[in-house]
Amino acid sequence: MQKNQIVVIGSSNLDYIVTTDHFPKGGETIEGLSFTQAMGGKGANQAVAACRSGGAVSFITCVGNDLNGKNALTYYNKEGIDVSLALVKENVTTGTASIWVDKHGENSIIVIPGANQYLSSDYIIPHSNRLIQANTILLQMEIPYETVKTICKISTGHTKVILNAAPAYSIEDEILQSIYMLVVNETEAETISKCQIEQIGEEEMVKTLLEKGVKNVILTLGSSGCIYSNGTDWLKIPAFKVQVKDTTAAGDTFCGALAVGIGKYSEIKQALIYATAAAALCVTSLGAQPSIPDEQDIVTFLNQNNIYL
């Protein structure tokens, strides 16, 4: 079977990860438990997740002409990801993220975009053919919004665009109507809909997003799983019970595996279960990309839970 051709367009960062018993209060100095560095960025995480999950992945990103950028591209090449269209920007630093992880596995993140903010529409437009020839395009919001809009417009009617609207951003209805699938958590859904989940409920939130013209909506609910609807069909996929060490990149892993699952399986329910399993495995290890499972890991985990897709 030919692999699903996926183009991921998004950010690439170097993550600086600190584990600590608890997060410091303002003005407080505390002792951390560990410090590590790893490749990250929502775009890069999703590219790695899609590749390890069984997709044929091209990654369009922007890094600086510095050691971090060179190391990142070398690393993604070794992962089996095509980075031939990555932009290397002179006199700009590669993006970085400072990630704090507490004893419960919850995280707080500060991102410095660096080169990511230079991934412009002007760079994307000459590569339009690459976009419309793909099976799936996977997008996030850590690159300029104008670039996201351009990609959606180019791809309309040609390629399935999965937009993970993270970090939270207010998106125009015109863009929402042009994409195949919107993946959001509760905060992101509230930002787009201008409604509060506490007031209207989860299903009504999904309906509100569908009314904006989105064809397929996935509302992720952390340890409660996710809700899917296309306006006709409704699915609630529960999360797998695992020992949580670090939730960093769980959402990205879900999105990358989902992009693969949509091409791999005949039913959306199968793709959602596959993506949910991948995210569950991700949170059992520390770090973003080091924790992302491969295809065999996901299948084995599903089989251990008596699920055979």
C-alpha atoms as a PDB file:
ATOM      1  CA  MET A   1       0.000   0.000   0.000  1.00  0.00           C
ATOM      2  CA  GLN A   2       1.311   3.453  -0.944  1.00  0.00           C
ATOM      3  CA  LYS A   3       1.933   5.689   2.038  1.00  0.00           C
ATOM      4  CA  ASN A   4      -0.283   8.714   2.611  1.00  0.00           C
ATOM      5  CA  GLN A   5       1.542  11.771   1.201  1.00  0.00           C
ATOM      6  CA  ILE A   6       1.463  14.397   3.956  1.00  0.00           C
ATOM      7  CA  VAL A   7       2.869  17.919   3.828  1.00  0.00           C
ATOM      8  CA  VAL A   8       3.339  19.468   7.265  1.00  0.00           C
ATOM      9  CA  ILE A   9       3.878  23.223   7.278  1.00  0.00           C
ATOM     10  CA  GLY A  10       4.826  24.793  10.569  1.00  0.00           C
ATOM     11  CA  SER A  11       7.307  25.645  13.268  1.00  0.00           C
ATOM     12  CA  SER A  12      10.604  24.102  14.272  1.00  0.00           C
ATOM     13  CA  ASN A  13      12.102  24.847  17.690  1.00  0.00           C
ATOM     14  CA  LEU A  14      14.760  23.672  20.065  1.00  0.00           C
ATOM     15  CA  ASP A  15      13.077  22.790  23.373  1.00  0.00           C
ATOM     16  CA  TYR A  16      14.718  23.463  26.737  1.00  0.00           C
ATOM     17  CA  ILE A  17      12.883  21.188  29.183  1.00  0.00           C
ATOM     18  CA  VAL A  18      12.960  21.603  32.967  1.00  0.00           C
ATOM     19  CA  THR A  19      11.207  19.169  35.309  1.00  0.00           C
ATOM     20  CA  THR A  20      10.244  20.433  38.733  1.00  0.00           C
ATOM     21  CA  ASP A  21       8.124  19.409  41.691  1.00  0.00           C
ATOM     22  CA  HIS A  22       5.918  22.477  41.231  1.00  0.00           C
ATOM     23  CA  PHE A  23       5.946  25.716  39.258  1.00  0.00           C
ATOM     24  CA  PRO A  24       7.512  28.739  41.026  1.00  0.00           C
ATOM     25  CA  LYS A  25       5.398  31.664  42.149  1.00  0.00           C
ATOM     26  CA  GLY A  26       6.338  35.203  41.158  1.00  0.00           C
ATOM     27  CA  GLY A  27       9.686  36.120  42.722  1.00  0.00           C
ATOM     28  CA  GLU A  28      10.293  32.568  43.943  1.00  0.00           C
ATOM     29  CA  THR A  29      13.440  30.533  43.199  1.00  0.00           C
ATOM     30  CA  ILE A  30      13.118  26.757  43.381  1.00  0.00           C
ATOM     31  CA  GLU A  31      15.364  23.794  42.666  1.00  0.00           C
ATOM     32  CA  GLY A  32      14.554  21.838  39.497  1.00  0.00           C
ATOM     33  CA  LEU A  33      14.740  18.074  39.098  1.00  0.00           C
ATOM     34  CA  SER A  34      16.253  17.750  35.607  1.00  0.00           C
ATOM     35  CA  PHE A  35      17.156  19.622  32.427  1.00  0.00           C
ATOM     36  CA  THR A  36      17.180  18.286  28.860  1.00  0.00           C
ATOM     37  CA  GLN A  37      17.225  19.612  25.290  1.00  0.00           C
ATOM     38  CA  ALA A  38      15.205  18.146  22.424  1.00  0.00           C
ATOM     39  CA  MET A  39      13.839  19.086  19.014  1.00  0.00           C
ATOM     40  CA  GLY A  40      10.348  20.562  19.158  1.00  0.00           C
ATOM     41  CA  GLY A  41       7.896  23.055  17.717  1.00  0.00           C
ATOM     42  CA  LYS A  42       4.312  22.160  16.864  1.00  0.00           C
ATOM     43  CA  GLY A  43       5.029  21.746  13.162  1.00  0.00           C
ATOM     44  CA  ALA A  44       8.093  19.611  13.751  1.00  0.00           C
ATOM     45  CA  ASN A  45       6.359  17.501  16.391  1.00  0.00           C
ATOM     46  CA  GLN A  46       3.470  16.798  14.035  1.00  0.00           C
ATOM     47  CA  ALA A  47       5.825  15.999  11.165  1.00  0.00           C
ATOM     48  CA  VAL A  48       7.723  13.495  13.312  1.00  0.00           C
ATOM     49  CA  ALA A  49       4.459  11.993  14.610  1.00  0.00           C
ATOM     50  CA  ALA A  50       3.083  11.589  11.085  1.00  0.00           C
ATOM     51  CA  CYS A  51       6.321  10.040   9.841  1.00  0.00           C
ATOM     52  CA  ARG A  52       6.663   7.598  12.742  1.00  0.00           C
ATOM     53  CA  SER A  53       2.958   6.734  12.439  1.00  0.00           C
ATOM     54  CA  GLY A  54       3.507   5.531   8.888  1.00  0.00           C
ATOM     55  CA  GLY A  55       3.120   8.576   6.628  1.00  0.00           C
ATOM     56  CA  ALA A  56       5.376   9.828   3.827  1.00  0.00           C
ATOM     57  CA  VAL A  57       6.084  13.317   5.166  1.00  0.00           C
ATOM     58  CA  SER A  58       7.449  16.531   3.695  1.00  0.00           C
ATOM     59  CA  PHE A  59       8.099  19.291   6.205  1.00  0.00           C
ATOM     60  CA  ILE A  60       8.128  22.952   5.162  1.00  0.00           C
ATOM     61  CA  THR A  61       9.569  25.090   7.931  1.00  0.00           C
ATOM     62  CA  CYS A  62      12.010  27.936   8.536  1.00  0.00           C
ATOM     63  CA  VAL A  63      15.137  27.695  10.658  1.00  0.00           C
ATOM     64  CA  GLY A  64      18.050  30.034  11.241  1.00  0.00           C
ATOM     65  CA  ASN A  65      21.468  29.547   9.673  1.00  0.00           C
ATOM     66  CA  ASP A  66      22.799  28.562  13.093  1.00  0.00           C
ATOM     67  CA  LEU A  67      23.853  25.349  14.799  1.00  0.00           C
ATOM     68  CA  ASN A  68      20.353  24.664  16.117  1.00  0.00           C
ATOM     69  CA  GLY A  69      18.884  25.003  12.644  1.00  0.00           C
ATOM     70  CA  LYS A  70      21.495  22.790  11.008  1.00  0.00           C
ATOM     71  CA  ASN A  71      21.077  20.145  13.714  1.00  0.00           C
ATOM     72  CA  ALA A  72      17.299  20.239  13.296  1.00  0.00           C
ATOM     73  CA  LEU A  73      17.367  19.612   9.544  1.00  0.00           C
ATOM     74  CA  THR A  74      19.928  16.831   9.943  1.00  0.00           C
ATOM     75  CA  TYR A  75      17.765  15.237  12.615  1.00  0.00           C
ATOM     76  CA  TYR A  76      14.578  15.358  10.518  1.00  0.00           C
ATOM     77  CA  ASN A  77      16.409  13.882   7.547  1.00  0.00           C
ATOM     78  CA  LYS A  78      17.477  10.961   9.715  1.00  0.00           C
ATOM     79  CA  GLU A  79      13.848  10.545  10.810  1.00  0.00           C
ATOM     80  CA  GLY A  80      12.947   9.993   7.160  1.00  0.00           C
ATOM     81  CA  ILE A  81      11.257  13.372   6.692  1.00  0.00           C
ATOM     82  CA  ASP A  82      11.768  15.291   3.436  1.00  0.00           C
ATOM     83  CA  VAL A  83      13.023  18.770   4.385  1.00  0.00           C
ATOM     84  CA  SER A  84      14.143  19.786   0.898  1.00  0.00           C
ATOM     85  CA  LEU A  85      11.722  22.741   0.962  1.00  0.00           C
ATOM     86  CA  ALA A  86      12.807  24.007   4.393  1.00  0.00           C
ATOM     87  CA  LEU A  87      13.874  27.661   4.381  1.00  0.00           C
ATOM     88  CA  VAL A  88      17.181  28.540   6.043  1.00  0.00           C
ATOM     89  CA  LYS A  89      17.200  32.217   7.023  1.00  0.00           C
ATOM     90  CA  GLU A  90      20.429  34.179   7.418  1.00  0.00           C
ATOM     91  CA  ASN A  91      21.065  36.328  10.508  1.00  0.00           C
ATOM     92  CA  VAL A  92      18.069  34.887  12.371  1.00  0.00           C
ATOM     93  CA  THR A  93      18.039  32.411  15.247  1.00  0.00           C
ATOM     94  CA  THR A  94      16.122  29.151  15.114  1.00  0.00           C
ATOM     95  CA  GLY A  95      12.995  29.153  17.277  1.00  0.00           C
ATOM     96  CA  THR A  96      13.241  28.032  20.903  1.00  0.00           C
ATOM     97  CA  ALA A  97      10.813  26.990  23.635  1.00  0.00           C
ATOM     98  CA  SER A  98      11.266  26.910  27.408  1.00  0.00           C
ATOM     99  CA  ILE A  99       9.135  24.100  28.839  1.00  0.00           C
ATOM    100  CA  TRP A 100       8.433  23.503  32.517  1.00  0.00           C
ATOM    101  CA  VAL A 101       6.970  20.152  33.532  1.00  0.00           C
ATOM    102  CA  ASP A 102       5.651  19.521  37.057  1.00  0.00           C
ATOM    103  CA  LYS A 103       5.308  16.250  38.991  1.00  0.00           C
ATOM    104  CA  HIS A 104       1.794  15.723  37.597  1.00  0.00           C
ATOM    105  CA  GLY A 105       3.054  15.877  34.008  1.00  0.00           C
ATOM    106  CA  GLU A 106       1.414  19.242  33.325  1.00  0.00           C
ATOM    107  CA  ASN A 107       3.456  21.823  31.428  1.00  0.00           C
ATOM    108  CA  SER A 108       3.880  25.547  30.925  1.00  0.00           C
ATOM    109  CA  ILE A 109       5.635  26.776  27.781  1.00  0.00           C
ATOM    110  CA  ILE A 110       7.235  30.039  26.619  1.00  0.00           C
ATOM    111  CA  VAL A 111       7.995  30.142  22.877  1.00  0.00           C
ATOM    112  CA  ILE A 112      10.437  32.489  21.142  1.00  0.00           C
ATOM    113  CA  PRO A 113       9.471  32.195  17.433  1.00  0.00           C
ATOM    114  CA  GLY A 114      12.786  33.227  15.896  1.00  0.00           C
ATOM    115  CA  ALA A 115      12.973  32.031  12.277  1.00  0.00           C
ATOM    116  CA  ASN A 116       9.429  30.633  12.339  1.00  0.00           C
ATOM    117  CA  GLN A 117       7.972  34.098  11.801  1.00  0.00           C
ATOM    118  CA  TYR A 118       9.799  34.335   8.453  1.00  0.00           C
ATOM    119  CA  LEU A 119       7.910  31.462   6.829  1.00  0.00           C
ATOM    120  CA  SER A 120       5.977  33.825   4.576  1.00  0.00           C
ATOM    121  CA  SER A 121       3.321  33.521   1.871  1.00  0.00           C
ATOM    122  CA  ASP A 122       5.920  34.720  -0.636  1.00  0.00           C
ATOM    123  CA  TYR A 123       7.981  31.634   0.137  1.00  0.00           C
ATOM    124  CA  ILE A 124       5.005  29.250  -0.006  1.00  0.00           C
ATOM    125  CA  ILE A 125       3.367  30.387  -3.262  1.00  0.00           C
ATOM    126  CA  PRO A 126       6.147  29.142  -5.620  1.00  0.00           C
ATOM    127  CA  HIS A 127       5.688  25.677  -4.066  1.00  0.00           C
ATOM    128  CA  SER A 128       1.925  25.540  -4.695  1.00  0.00           C
ATOM    129  CA  ASN A 129       2.189  22.400  -6.854  1.00  0.00           C
ATOM    130  CA  ARG A 130       3.714  20.516  -3.943  1.00  0.00           C
ATOM    131  CA  LEU A 131       0.714  21.421  -1.811  1.00  0.00           C
ATOM    132  CA  ILE A 132      -2.013  20.456  -4.279  1.00  0.00           C
ATOM    133  CA  GLN A 133      -0.313  17.134  -5.080  1.00  0.00           C
ATOM    134  CA  ALA A 134      -0.337  15.996  -1.442  1.00  0.00           C
ATOM    135  CA  ASN A 135      -3.065  13.829   0.069  1.00  0.00           C
ATOM    136  CA  THR A 136      -3.120  15.853   3.275  1.00  0.00           C
ATOM    137  CA  ILE A 137      -1.737  19.158   4.547  1.00  0.00           C
ATOM    138  CA  LEU A 138      -1.253  19.559   8.286  1.00  0.00           C
ATOM    139  CA  LEU A 139      -1.135  23.111   9.670  1.00  0.00           C
ATOM    140  CA  GLN A 140      -0.791  24.845  13.045  1.00  0.00           C
ATOM    141  CA  MET A 141      -0.660  28.465  14.229  1.00  0.00           C
ATOM    142  CA  GLU A 142       3.024  28.922  15.143  1.00  0.00           C
ATOM    143  CA  ILE A 143       3.754  30.467  11.744  1.00  0.00           C
ATOM    144  CA  PRO A 144       2.363  33.793  10.441  1.00  0.00           C
ATOM    145  CA  TYR A 145      -1.421  33.834  10.088  1.00  0.00           C
ATOM    146  CA  GLU A 146      -1.189  35.274   6.571  1.00  0.00           C
ATOM    147  CA  THR A 147       0.852  32.216   5.576  1.00  0.00           C
ATOM    148  CA  VAL A 148      -1.804  29.900   7.014  1.00  0.00           C
ATOM    149  CA  LYS A 149      -4.479  31.760   5.026  1.00  0.00           C
ATOM    150  CA  THR A 150      -2.449  31.492   1.814  1.00  0.00           C
ATOM    151  CA  ILE A 151      -1.946  27.746   2.259  1.00  0.00           C
ATOM    152  CA  CYS A 152      -5.661  27.193   2.854  1.00  0.00           C
ATOM    153  CA  LYS A 153      -6.605  29.178  -0.255  1.00  0.00           C
ATOM    154  CA  ILE A 154      -4.086  27.347  -2.455  1.00  0.00           C
ATOM    155  CA  SER A 155      -5.234  23.953  -1.241  1.00  0.00           C
ATOM    156  CA  THR A 156      -9.021  24.439  -1.425  1.00  0.00           C
ATOM    157  CA  GLY A 157     -10.559  21.895  -3.791  1.00  0.00           C
ATOM    158  CA  HIS A 158      -7.279  19.982  -4.146  1.00  0.00           C
ATOM    159  CA  THR A 159      -5.978  18.724  -0.820  1.00  0.00           C
ATOM    160  CA  LYS A 160      -7.436  17.862   2.583  1.00  0.00           C
ATOM    161  CA  VAL A 161      -6.244  20.527   5.023  1.00  0.00           C
ATOM    162  CA  ILE A 162      -6.194  19.628   8.715  1.00  0.00           C
ATOM    163  CA  LEU A 163      -5.826  22.796  10.773  1.00  0.00           C
ATOM    164  CA  ASN A 164      -4.777  22.440  14.379  1.00  0.00           C
ATOM    165  CA  ALA A 165      -5.620  25.963  15.578  1.00  0.00           C
ATOM    166  CA  ALA A 166      -2.904  26.027  18.229  1.00  0.00           C
ATOM    167  CA  PRO A 167      -1.803  28.225  19.846  1.00  0.00           C
ATOM    168  CA  ALA A 168      -5.320  29.659  20.213  1.00  0.00           C
ATOM    169  CA  TYR A 169      -6.127  32.173  17.478  1.00  0.00           C
ATOM    170  CA  SER A 170      -9.265  33.893  16.220  1.00  0.00           C
ATOM    171  CA  ILE A 171      -9.743  32.561  12.677  1.00  0.00           C
ATOM    172  CA  GLU A 172     -11.958  34.054   9.968  1.00  0.00           C
ATOM    173  CA  ASP A 173     -14.969  32.041   8.803  1.00  0.00           C
ATOM    174  CA  GLU A 174     -13.662  32.181   5.221  1.00  0.00           C
ATOM    175  CA  ILE A 175     -10.622  30.148   6.275  1.00  0.00           C
ATOM    176  CA  LEU A 176     -12.655  27.745   8.394  1.00  0.00           C
ATOM    177  CA  GLN A 177     -14.889  27.060   5.389  1.00  0.00           C
ATOM    178  CA  SER A 178     -11.906  26.227   3.188  1.00  0.00           C
ATOM    179  CA  ILE A 179     -10.406  23.478   5.362  1.00  0.00           C
ATOM    180  CA  TYR A 180     -11.272  19.795   5.620  1.00  0.00           C
ATOM    181  CA  MET A 181     -10.887  19.383   9.369  1.00  0.00           C
ATOM    182  CA  LEU A 182     -10.422  21.586  12.441  1.00  0.00           C
ATOM    183  CA  VAL A 183      -8.701  20.135  15.509  1.00  0.00           C
ATOM    184  CA  VAL A 184      -8.980  22.244  18.670  1.00  0.00           C
ATOM    185  CA  ASN A 185      -8.839  21.882  22.415  1.00  0.00           C
ATOM    186  CA  GLU A 186     -11.297  23.668  24.689  1.00  0.00           C
ATOM    187  CA  THR A 187      -9.326  26.934  24.881  1.00  0.00           C
ATOM    188  CA  GLU A 188      -8.811  27.079  21.126  1.00  0.00           C
ATOM    189  CA  ALA A 189     -12.481  26.297  20.477  1.00  0.00           C
ATOM    190  CA  GLU A 190     -13.540  29.136  22.778  1.00  0.00           C
ATOM    191  CA  THR A 191     -11.203  31.580  21.032  1.00  0.00           C
ATOM    192  CA  ILE A 192     -12.640  30.771  17.589  1.00  0.00           C
ATOM    193  CA  SER A 193     -16.310  30.529  18.615  1.00  0.00           C
ATOM    194  CA  LYS A 194     -16.324  33.428  21.111  1.00  0.00           C
ATOM    195  CA  CYS A 195     -18.350  31.108  23.385  1.00  0.00           C
ATOM    196  CA  GLN A 196     -17.531  29.446  26.709  1.00  0.00           C
ATOM    197  CA  ILE A 197     -17.760  25.655  26.998  1.00  0.00           C
ATOM    198  CA  GLU A 198     -18.841  25.978  30.640  1.00  0.00           C
ATOM    199  CA  GLN A 199     -21.893  27.891  29.455  1.00  0.00           C
ATOM    200  CA  ILE A 200     -22.936  25.970  26.329  1.00  0.00           C
ATOM    201  CA  GLY A 201     -21.390  22.493  26.754  1.00  0.00           C
ATOM    202  CA  GLU A 202     -19.030  20.437  24.591  1.00  0.00           C
ATOM    203  CA  GLU A 203     -21.480  19.245  21.924  1.00  0.00           C
ATOM    204  CA  GLU A 204     -22.949  22.702  21.468  1.00  0.00           C
ATOM    205  CA  MET A 205     -19.413  24.046  21.060  1.00  0.00           C
ATOM    206  CA  VAL A 206     -18.801  21.567  18.242  1.00  0.00           C
ATOM    207  CA  LYS A 207     -22.115  22.574  16.628  1.00  0.00           C
ATOM    208  CA  THR A 208     -21.110  26.239  16.847  1.00  0.00           C
ATOM    209  CA  LEU A 209     -17.865  25.532  14.976  1.00  0.00           C
ATOM    210  CA  LEU A 210     -19.697  23.478  12.352  1.00  0.00           C
ATOM    211  CA  GLU A 211     -22.106  26.371  11.818  1.00  0.00           C
ATOM    212  CA  LYS A 212     -19.119  28.503  10.834  1.00  0.00           C
ATOM    213  CA  GLY A 213     -18.675  26.222   7.825  1.00  0.00           C
ATOM    214  CA  VAL A 214     -16.077  23.735   9.058  1.00  0.00           C
ATOM    215  CA  LYS A 215     -16.678  20.339   7.419  1.00  0.00           C
ATOM    216  CA  ASN A 216     -15.254  18.196  10.234  1.00  0.00           C
ATOM    217  CA  VAL A 217     -14.553  19.219  13.844  1.00  0.00           C
ATOM    218  CA  ILE A 218     -12.535  17.400  16.487  1.00  0.00           C
ATOM    219  CA  LEU A 219     -12.662  18.800  20.010  1.00  0.00           C
ATOM    220  CA  THR A 220      -9.890  17.273  22.115  1.00  0.00           C
ATOM    221  CA  LEU A 221     -10.602  16.932  25.830  1.00  0.00           C
ATOM    222  CA  GLY A 222      -7.306  15.761  27.331  1.00  0.00           C
ATOM    223  CA  SER A 223      -7.837  12.819  29.668  1.00  0.00           C
ATOM    224  CA  SER A 224     -11.496  12.667  28.578  1.00  0.00           C
ATOM    225  CA  GLY A 225     -10.656  11.826  24.960  1.00  0.00           C
ATOM    226  CA  CYS A 226     -12.231  13.697  22.041  1.00  0.00           C
ATOM    227  CA  ILE A 227     -15.501  14.479  20.276  1.00  0.00           C
ATOM    228  CA  TYR A 228     -15.875  14.344  16.495  1.00  0.00           C
ATOM    229  CA  SER A 229     -18.690  15.522  14.239  1.00  0.00           C
ATOM    230  CA  ASN A 230     -19.291  16.394  10.601  1.00  0.00           C
ATOM    231  CA  GLY A 231     -22.778  17.677  11.394  1.00  0.00           C
ATOM    232  CA  THR A 232     -24.404  14.306  10.728  1.00  0.00           C
ATOM    233  CA  ASP A 233     -22.220  11.765  12.508  1.00  0.00           C
ATOM    234  CA  TRP A 234     -21.134  12.161  16.134  1.00  0.00           C
ATOM    235  CA  LEU A 235     -18.406  10.187  17.879  1.00  0.00           C
ATOM    236  CA  LYS A 236     -17.004  10.321  21.417  1.00  0.00           C
ATOM    237  CA  ILE A 237     -13.640   8.552  21.672  1.00  0.00           C
ATOM    238  CA  PRO A 238     -12.487   7.956  25.259  1.00  0.00           C
ATOM    239  CA  ALA A 239      -8.854   8.387  26.233  1.00  0.00           C
ATOM    240  CA  PHE A 240      -6.758   5.364  27.177  1.00  0.00           C
ATOM    241  CA  LYS A 241      -5.777   5.117  30.835  1.00  0.00           C
ATOM    242  CA  VAL A 242      -2.000   5.451  31.181  1.00  0.00           C
ATOM    243  CA  GLN A 243       0.538   6.737  33.712  1.00  0.00           C
ATOM    244  CA  VAL A 244       1.134  10.372  32.725  1.00  0.00           C
ATOM    245  CA  LYS A 245       4.715  11.688  32.905  1.00  0.00           C
ATOM    246  CA  ASP A 246       4.617  14.648  30.502  1.00  0.00           C
ATOM    247  CA  THR A 247       1.756  15.987  28.361  1.00  0.00           C
ATOM    248  CA  THR A 248       4.098  17.948  26.061  1.00  0.00           C
ATOM    249  CA  ALA A 249       3.364  17.156  22.375  1.00  0.00           C
ATOM    250  CA  ALA A 250       0.368  14.937  23.139  1.00  0.00           C
ATOM    251  CA  GLY A 251      -1.851  17.124  20.961  1.00  0.00           C
ATOM    252  CA  ASP A 252       0.775  17.240  18.208  1.00  0.00           C
ATOM    253  CA  THR A 253       1.148  13.466  18.295  1.00  0.00           C
ATOM    254  CA  PHE A 254      -2.628  13.134  18.012  1.00  0.00           C
ATOM    255  CA  CYS A 255      -2.672  15.398  14.940  1.00  0.00           C
ATOM    256  CA  GLY A 256       0.239  13.683  13.192  1.00  0.00           C
ATOM    257  CA  ALA A 257      -1.190  10.205  13.752  1.00  0.00           C
ATOM    258  CA  LEU A 258      -4.653  11.445  12.739  1.00  0.00           C
ATOM    259  CA  ALA A 259      -3.326  12.692   9.388  1.00  0.00           C
ATOM    260  CA  VAL A 260      -1.940   9.214   8.764  1.00  0.00           C
ATOM    261  CA  GLY A 261      -5.045   7.453  10.050  1.00  0.00           C
ATOM    262  CA  ILE A 262      -7.376   9.367   7.739  1.00  0.00           C
ATOM    263  CA  GLY A 263      -5.497   7.988   4.742  1.00  0.00           C
ATOM    264  CA  LYS A 264      -4.934   4.562   6.267  1.00  0.00           C
ATOM    265  CA  TYR A 265      -8.434   3.626   7.428  1.00  0.00           C
ATOM    266  CA  SER A 266     -11.818   3.634   5.715  1.00  0.00           C
ATOM    267  CA  GLU A 267     -13.690   5.017   8.725  1.00  0.00           C
ATOM    268  CA  ILE A 268     -12.985   8.169  10.729  1.00  0.00           C
ATOM    269  CA  LYS A 269     -13.613   6.265  13.967  1.00  0.00           C
ATOM    270  CA  GLN A 270     -10.601   4.045  13.258  1.00  0.00           C
ATOM    271  CA  ALA A 271      -8.412   7.087  12.560  1.00  0.00           C
ATOM    272  CA  LEU A 272      -9.536   8.724  15.811  1.00  0.00           C
ATOM    273  CA  ILE A 273      -8.790   5.604  17.863  1.00  0.00           C
ATOM    274  CA  TYR A 274      -5.360   5.313  16.207  1.00  0.00           C
ATOM    275  CA  ALA A 275      -4.569   8.975  16.989  1.00  0.00           C
ATOM    276  CA  THR A 276      -5.869   8.670  20.561  1.00  0.00           C
ATOM    277  CA  ALA A 277      -3.625   5.662  21.153  1.00  0.00           C
ATOM    278  CA  ALA A 278      -0.604   7.537  19.802  1.00  0.00           C
ATOM    279  CA  ALA A 279      -1.287  10.479  22.126  1.00  0.00           C
ATOM    280  CA  ALA A 280      -1.706   8.130  25.102  1.00  0.00           C
ATOM    281  CA  LEU A 281       1.703   6.582  24.473  1.00  0.00           C
ATOM    282  CA  CYS A 282       3.257  10.031  24.078  1.00  0.00           C
ATOM    283  CA  VAL A 283       2.351  11.176  27.610  1.00  0.00           C
ATOM    284  CA  THR A 284       4.047   8.163  29.214  1.00  0.00           C
ATOM    285  CA  SER A 285       7.528   9.565  28.431  1.00  0.00           C
ATOM    286  CA  LEU A 286       9.344  12.858  28.977  1.00  0.00           C
ATOM    287  CA  GLY A 287       9.942  15.383  26.213  1.00  0.00           C
ATOM    288  CA  ALA A 288       8.214  16.264  22.958  1.00  0.00           C
ATOM    289  CA  GLN A 289       9.754  14.318  20.084  1.00  0.00           C
ATOM    290  CA  PRO A 290      11.568  11.715  22.225  1.00  0.00           C
ATOM    291  CA  SER A 291       8.151  10.576  23.479  1.00  0.00           C
ATOM    292  CA  ILE A 292       6.420  10.252  20.085  1.00  0.00           C
ATOM    293  CA  PRO A 293       5.681   6.560  19.334  1.00  0.00           C
ATOM    294  CA  ASP A 294       6.159   4.764  16.022  1.00  0.00           C
ATOM    295  CA  GLU A 295       3.597   2.777  14.049  1.00  0.00           C
ATOM    296  CA  GLN A 296       4.483  -0.582  15.597  1.00  0.00           C
ATOM    297  CA  ASP A 297       4.298   0.867  19.120  1.00  0.00           C
ATOM    298  CA  ILE A 298       0.794   2.166  18.410  1.00  0.00           C
ATOM    299  CA  VAL A 299      -0.454  -1.092  16.905  1.00  0.00           C
ATOM    300  CA  THR A 300       1.018  -3.120  19.789  1.00  0.00           C
ATOM    301  CA  PHE A 301      -0.595  -0.793  22.347  1.00  0.00           C
ATOM    302  CA  LEU A 302      -3.973  -1.090  20.615  1.00  0.00           C
ATOM    303  CA  ASN A 303      -3.703  -4.882  20.499  1.00  0.00           C
ATOM    304  CA  GLN A 304      -2.825  -4.951  24.207  1.00  0.00           C
ATOM    305  CA  ASN A 305      -6.113  -3.117  24.739  1.00  0.00           C
ATOM    306  CA  ASN A 306      -7.924  -5.691  22.562  1.00  0.00           C
ATOM    307  CA  ILE A 307      -8.395  -3.245  19.693  1.00  0.00           C
ATOM    308  CA  TYR A 308      -7.650  -4.412  16.147  1.00  0.00           C
ATOM    309  CA  LEU A 309      -8.216  -1.750  13.512  1.00  0.00           C
END
